[in-house]
Amino acid sequence: MPHPLSAHLPMAIGTAVARCGETDVTVVMPTSESDVVDVYSAMGRPDEDPHWADVWHGDVALATAMLEGGGGGGGGGGDAGSTIDVRGRSVINLGAGLGLAGVAAALAGASRVLMTDREPRALWCSLAAARANGLRGAAETLPASCGAPDGVALGPTPKALEPASPAASRCVVDAEIVDWFEPELAPTGFDVVLASDVLYTADAVDAIATLVLRLFSSRGGRAGRFVLADPPGRFPENHARFVRCMEDPGSIPGYAGEALITGASIERVDERIVECVNLVGETMAVKLSTYDITVPSRRARDGSASILSSRA
């Protein structure tokens, strides 16, 4: 993958296969996360997050739930994905990283998937993964809005990645830079929002809670579905904080969306723990939490408080 120091510090790219239930999904990724760390350090950004370059357990959980359950994808038919039916729906993947969850949504029958991340190189890998899985509706290049990271254009994803037989899905797959801390700039109107392993700091919790509400703000009062995959043992205090934010968005520090989200209804419709295995065979428990979120149309907002209810 090209960058300003490629001649001295190459960042090699390869493919790997993520096993998602009974379905194999190809990912395109740097062959070593340490190479990403070295490149960031050499460019004077030693604190830059390199973890987009790996497959996280939460991504495997989301992908499996869509492909093996109600998503209508690979096989199986178990109930692990019964609350994540994306067939015919528009999907946005927050913090997409290598794009495993977004690719799974496309393979499971989504009509459109938007991969989002703050790292253009991650988005390039996610589009490359879509191409490697035979998704003919995937964009071959990053949009102009992603620019040329560090002044070096990434170019189109390699045609050589395409499998011999294309996938049946005609899903349109695009990518876009989305900064969680600028929710007012994020695209809106999606049917399904996916996020995994995003609750790693208190600030990120507050930003994600605000952003999720914003993403459903232009659906004319129709409910949208938010699915969060989060290992409960990693940052339990952050998960608890997120639930509180869902209960009362107005309590989010610095939250400025009360006028926009007034009268929003947030209903937790499912919560379960699943065991997932990453690329190196490590098993971890992941909590899948599914919410139905309704943001009233502008005319219908009446000042009612946001509520959270749990379905027994």
Foldseek 3Di string as FASTA:
>chain_A
DDAPCCVPQNFDKDWDWFCQPPDTAIFIAGPDLVSVCVVCVVVVRNPDDSVLRFDDQLLSLLLNLLQQDLLQADYPHDHSNVVPHQAQFEEEEEQCRRNSNQLSSQRSHHQEYEYEEQDVVRQLRNLLSNQLQQAPQGDQAADCQNPAVNNHGPDGRDNVSHDPDHGPGNHHYHYDYDDLQCLVPDAADGQEYEYEPQQPDLVSLLSVLLNVLSRHQPNQQAKHKYKYKYQCPPCVVSVVVNVVCQAAVVPRVPDDCCLRQAPKEKEWEDKDWDWGATRVGDIGIIIITMIIITRHHNVPRDRHGYHYYYDD
